[in-house]
Amino acid sequence: MEKITEQMFLDTAIKAIVTHPEDVSITREISEMGVLLTVDVNKEDIARIIGREGKIANALRLILRAVAYNNNVRATLKISEPIENNTV
């Protein structure tokens, strides 16, 4: 049976939540503190990822920690704010 990595879990879970799954991008950085997974989504989907009072984001973080623990890794989730392009 194949082990599910933290990045595979996040990719599957977030693409199931958002309305623009083609815009989902996850970067993985390794440091002495563990693994940092940064998620970039379409600006229309940021509220879907965070949820009311951050409940969806907290649930994603909780499950991510469980998946990472199973792989003997410490993982942290960071949700990037979309950059507004203000051209004049």
Protein backbone atom coordinates (compact mmCIF):
# COMPACT_ATOMS: atom_id res chain seq x y z
CA MET A 1 0.00 0.00 0.00
CA GLU A 2 1.36 3.41 -1.01
CA LYS A 3 1.93 6.00 1.71
CA ILE A 4 0.05 9.25 1.31
CA THR A 5 2.36 12.23 1.50
CA GLU A 6 1.34 15.52 3.07
CA GLN A 7 1.39 17.26 -0.31
CA MET A 8 -0.78 14.57 -1.93
CA PHE A 9 -3.35 14.89 0.85
CA LEU A 10 -3.53 18.69 0.61
CA ASP A 11 -3.73 18.63 -3.18
CA THR A 12 -6.65 16.21 -3.14
CA ALA A 13 -8.52 17.90 -0.28
CA ILE A 14 -8.16 21.47 -1.53
CA LYS A 15 -9.05 20.66 -5.13
CA ALA A 16 -12.26 19.05 -3.83
CA ILE A 17 -13.20 22.26 -1.99
CA VAL A 18 -12.42 25.02 -4.49
CA THR A 19 -14.28 26.03 -7.64
CA HIS A 20 -11.07 26.59 -9.65
CA PRO A 21 -8.98 23.45 -9.01
CA GLU A 22 -6.68 24.24 -11.93
CA ASP A 23 -5.37 27.29 -10.00
CA VAL A 24 -4.31 25.31 -6.91
CA SER A 25 -0.57 25.36 -6.32
CA ILE A 26 1.23 23.79 -3.36
CA THR A 27 4.90 24.38 -2.61
CA ARG A 28 6.86 22.26 -0.14
CA GLU A 29 9.84 23.62 1.80
CA ILE A 30 11.94 21.59 4.20
CA SER A 31 13.72 23.21 7.15
CA GLU A 32 15.02 22.17 10.56
CA MET A 33 11.53 22.88 11.98
CA GLY A 34 9.86 20.42 9.60
CA VAL A 35 7.94 20.77 6.36
CA LEU A 36 6.15 23.97 5.37
CA LEU A 37 3.40 23.53 2.79
CA THR A 38 2.26 26.80 1.20
CA VAL A 39 -1.05 26.82 -0.68
CA ASP A 40 -1.92 29.30 -3.42
CA VAL A 41 -5.47 29.38 -4.76
CA ASN A 42 -7.61 31.60 -6.96
CA LYS A 43 -8.67 34.79 -5.14
CA GLU A 44 -12.32 33.72 -5.45
CA ASP A 45 -11.57 30.48 -3.54
CA ILE A 46 -9.63 31.87 -0.58
CA ALA A 47 -12.78 32.14 1.56
CA ARG A 48 -13.67 28.52 0.77
CA ILE A 49 -10.28 27.34 2.03
CA ILE A 50 -10.40 29.39 5.22
CA GLY A 51 -14.08 28.86 6.03
CA ARG A 52 -16.17 30.60 8.67
CA GLU A 53 -14.00 31.60 11.60
CA GLY A 54 -11.16 29.55 10.06
CA LYS A 55 -12.87 26.22 10.70
CA ILE A 56 -11.96 24.62 7.35
CA ALA A 57 -8.34 25.80 7.58
CA ASN A 58 -8.07 24.44 11.11
CA ALA A 59 -9.56 21.10 10.04
CA LEU A 60 -7.10 20.87 7.14
CA ARG A 61 -4.22 21.62 9.53
CA LEU A 62 -5.41 18.96 11.98
CA ILE A 63 -5.64 16.24 9.34
CA LEU A 64 -2.34 17.38 7.80
CA ARG A 65 -0.62 16.93 11.17
CA ALA A 66 -2.07 13.40 11.42
CA VAL A 67 -0.85 12.47 7.92
CA ALA A 68 2.57 13.97 8.66
CA TYR A 69 2.80 12.16 12.00
CA ASN A 70 2.12 8.90 10.18
CA ASN A 71 5.11 9.71 7.93
CA ASN A 72 7.35 10.78 10.87
CA VAL A 73 7.36 14.41 9.74
CA ARG A 74 6.24 17.68 11.31
CA ALA A 75 4.18 19.67 8.81
CA THR A 76 2.73 23.18 8.85
CA LEU A 77 0.15 24.67 6.49
CA LYS A 78 0.37 28.25 5.24
CA ILE A 79 -2.40 29.73 3.09
CA SER A 80 -1.08 32.54 0.90
CA GLU A 81 -3.14 35.64 0.35
CA PRO A 82 -3.82 36.22 -3.33
CA ILE A 83 -2.03 39.21 -4.81
CA GLU A 84 -4.27 41.86 -6.33
CA ASN A 85 -3.04 43.20 -9.67
CA ASN A 86 -3.76 46.93 -9.67
CA THR A 87 -2.83 48.23 -13.09
CA VAL A 88 -3.55 51.85 -13.90
